[in-house]
Amino acid sequence: MLVLAGCLVCLQLGSQQLRLQDAAAVTARALARGDTAPVYEGATRTSSQTGDLLCATLSLPGQPPLFVELSAQSCAIK
């Protein structure tokens, strides 16, 4: 039973990380175009620019039961 619970938690973390990575990519593209970037609920956003490359980083604080902080970064050419 404990193994099953651990597997379910890992699946949840994995799917959350995929959604966060998708949101980071959408955010980077929107910021590079000059559009309003969408908000991923509960995540903090930082962005940086180096030359023509604009990068967006989304961080999601840890949630029960593991309290693992997730983050994703994506870049787009401006």
Protein backbone atom coordinates (compact mmCIF):
# COMPACT_ATOMS: atom_id res chain seq x y z
CA MET A 1 0.00 0.00 0.00
CA LEU A 2 2.85 2.36 0.83
CA VAL A 3 4.53 1.62 -2.50
CA LEU A 4 1.31 2.45 -4.36
CA ALA A 5 1.01 5.75 -2.50
CA GLY A 6 4.61 6.60 -3.38
CA CYS A 7 3.99 5.82 -7.05
CA LEU A 8 0.89 8.01 -7.12
CA VAL A 9 2.78 10.91 -5.55
CA CYS A 10 5.57 10.55 -8.14
CA LEU A 11 3.02 10.55 -10.97
CA GLN A 12 1.42 13.68 -9.57
CA LEU A 13 4.79 15.45 -9.30
CA GLY A 14 5.70 14.42 -12.84
CA SER A 15 2.46 15.69 -14.34
CA GLN A 16 2.75 18.94 -12.39
CA GLN A 17 6.31 19.41 -13.70
CA LEU A 18 5.10 18.88 -17.29
CA ARG A 19 2.34 21.46 -16.86
CA LEU A 20 4.83 23.90 -15.32
CA GLN A 21 7.27 23.41 -18.23
CA ASP A 22 4.47 24.03 -20.74
CA ALA A 23 3.45 27.17 -18.86
CA ALA A 24 7.07 28.41 -18.84
CA ALA A 25 7.28 27.94 -22.61
CA VAL A 26 4.01 29.81 -23.19
CA THR A 27 5.15 32.58 -20.84
CA ALA A 28 8.53 32.98 -22.56
CA ARG A 29 6.91 33.18 -26.00
CA ALA A 30 4.32 35.70 -24.82
CA LEU A 31 6.94 37.91 -23.17
CA ALA A 32 9.15 37.76 -26.27
CA ARG A 33 6.22 38.93 -28.42
CA GLY A 34 5.41 41.71 -25.95
CA ASP A 35 2.05 40.16 -25.05
CA THR A 36 0.63 39.77 -21.56
CA ALA A 37 2.00 36.56 -20.09
CA PRO A 38 -0.51 34.10 -18.63
CA VAL A 39 -0.42 33.37 -14.91
CA TYR A 40 0.18 29.83 -13.67
CA GLU A 41 -1.77 29.57 -10.42
CA GLY A 42 0.49 29.43 -7.34
CA ALA A 43 3.75 29.89 -9.28
CA THR A 44 6.19 32.77 -9.08
CA ARG A 45 7.65 34.08 -12.32
CA THR A 46 11.02 35.63 -13.03
CA SER A 47 12.37 36.63 -16.40
CA SER A 48 15.75 37.62 -17.77
CA GLN A 49 17.06 38.78 -21.10
CA THR A 50 20.46 38.20 -22.68
CA GLY A 51 20.75 39.79 -26.10
CA ASP A 52 17.78 38.59 -28.16
CA LEU A 53 17.05 35.66 -25.84
CA LEU A 54 14.31 36.16 -23.25
CA CYS A 55 13.97 33.47 -20.56
CA ALA A 56 11.09 32.88 -18.17
CA THR A 57 11.39 30.79 -15.01
CA LEU A 58 8.36 29.54 -13.08
CA SER A 59 8.72 28.17 -9.55
CA LEU A 60 6.04 26.33 -7.65
CA PRO A 61 6.44 25.96 -3.88
CA GLY A 62 6.30 22.49 -2.39
CA GLN A 63 2.92 20.99 -1.59
CA PRO A 64 2.01 18.16 0.77
CA PRO A 65 2.95 15.38 1.24
CA LEU A 66 6.54 15.78 -0.05
CA PHE A 67 6.95 19.57 -0.16
CA VAL A 68 9.14 19.31 -3.27
CA GLU A 69 9.66 22.68 -4.99
CA LEU A 70 9.27 22.48 -8.76
CA SER A 71 10.69 24.92 -11.29
CA ALA A 72 10.87 25.16 -15.06
CA GLN A 73 12.69 27.50 -17.41
CA SER A 74 12.09 28.22 -21.06
CA CYS A 75 13.58 30.76 -23.47
CA ALA A 76 12.38 32.42 -26.66
CA ILE A 77 14.05 34.65 -29.21
CA LYS A 78 12.79 38.19 -29.03
